[in-house]
């Protein structure tokens, strides 16, 4: 499967990655991957990969905190508003 090279922020306390943008596409060079340059244009096989594989995560910066989703989940679990 082809993959996206994504740059973004790594949240240290939860380990999550927040993608800011896609820097490049890494071609897998597979004829069975519809995202690859080598995939035949006239292919009708339903078994070919149609989506990108997992992002290749490149940390641009890191924050010593929980990500927004984790902070919101913690606030909901404690029954308090997110601040």
Protein backbone atom coordinates (compact mmCIF):
# COMPACT_ATOMS: atom_id res chain seq x y z
CA UNK A 1 0.00 0.00 0.00
CA UNK A 2 1.14 3.50 -0.73
CA UNK A 3 1.61 5.71 2.31
CA UNK A 4 1.46 9.42 3.11
CA UNK A 5 4.48 11.09 4.72
CA UNK A 6 2.76 13.30 7.28
CA UNK A 7 4.29 16.03 9.39
CA UNK A 8 2.70 17.03 12.66
CA UNK A 9 2.71 17.31 16.43
CA UNK A 10 3.44 14.46 18.84
CA UNK A 11 1.60 14.74 22.17
CA UNK A 12 4.03 13.24 24.71
CA UNK A 13 1.64 12.32 27.54
CA UNK A 14 -0.70 10.20 25.41
CA UNK A 15 1.60 9.48 22.45
CA UNK A 16 -0.94 10.57 19.83
CA UNK A 17 0.10 12.23 16.59
CA UNK A 18 -1.79 15.20 15.15
CA UNK A 19 -1.18 15.52 11.42
CA UNK A 20 -0.67 19.09 10.19
CA UNK A 21 -0.11 18.32 6.52
CA UNK A 22 1.00 15.64 4.08
CA UNK A 23 4.51 16.28 2.83
CA UNK A 24 4.71 13.51 0.21
CA UNK A 25 3.23 10.26 -1.04
CA UNK A 26 5.45 7.17 -0.81
CA UNK A 27 4.69 4.89 -3.75
CA UNK A 28 4.68 1.17 -2.93
CA UNK A 29 5.25 0.28 -6.63
CA UNK A 30 2.61 -2.43 -6.49
CA UNK A 31 0.36 -3.27 -9.42
CA UNK A 32 -2.30 -4.28 -6.87
CA UNK A 33 -2.46 -0.79 -5.27
CA UNK A 34 -4.78 1.72 -6.94
CA UNK A 35 -2.76 4.61 -5.45
CA UNK A 36 0.47 3.41 -7.08
CA UNK A 37 1.86 4.78 -10.31
CA UNK A 38 2.31 1.14 -11.47
CA UNK A 39 -1.40 0.23 -11.11
CA UNK A 40 -2.95 -0.37 -14.56
CA UNK A 41 -5.46 2.33 -15.54
CA UNK A 42 -7.91 -0.24 -16.95
CA UNK A 43 -7.85 -2.55 -13.90
CA UNK A 44 -11.27 -3.66 -12.65
CA UNK A 45 -10.13 -6.06 -9.92
CA UNK A 46 -12.04 -5.50 -6.66
CA UNK A 47 -9.16 -7.00 -4.67
CA UNK A 48 -6.72 -4.13 -5.35
CA UNK A 49 -5.88 -1.85 -2.42
CA UNK A 50 -7.98 1.30 -2.68
CA UNK A 51 -6.76 3.29 0.32
CA UNK A 52 -3.47 4.52 1.69
CA UNK A 53 -1.64 2.49 4.29
CA UNK A 54 -0.84 3.98 7.70
CA UNK A 55 0.79 7.39 7.63
CA UNK A 56 4.54 7.66 8.07
CA UNK A 57 4.62 10.12 10.96
CA UNK A 58 7.32 12.78 11.03
CA UNK A 59 7.37 14.85 14.21
CA UNK A 60 7.76 18.57 13.56
CA UNK A 61 7.29 19.41 17.23
CA UNK A 62 6.24 17.73 20.46
CA UNK A 63 4.08 18.96 23.31
CA UNK A 64 4.41 17.71 26.88
CA UNK A 65 0.63 17.44 27.33
CA UNK A 66 -2.36 15.25 26.40
CA UNK A 67 -3.91 15.81 22.97
CA UNK A 68 -7.24 17.62 22.61
CA UNK A 69 -9.25 14.41 22.23
CA UNK A 70 -7.72 12.85 25.34
CA UNK A 71 -8.31 16.01 27.38
CA UNK A 72 -11.95 16.11 26.23
CA UNK A 73 -12.42 12.42 27.10
CA UNK A 74 -10.91 12.99 30.55
CA UNK A 75 -13.22 15.98 31.14
CA UNK A 76 -16.29 13.97 30.09
CA UNK A 77 -15.30 11.08 32.36
CA UNK A 78 -14.95 13.49 35.28
CA UNK A 79 -18.21 15.28 34.43
CA UNK A 80 -16.59 18.70 34.03
CA UNK A 81 -16.48 21.17 31.12
CA UNK A 82 -13.38 21.28 28.97
CA UNK A 83 -11.28 24.36 29.66
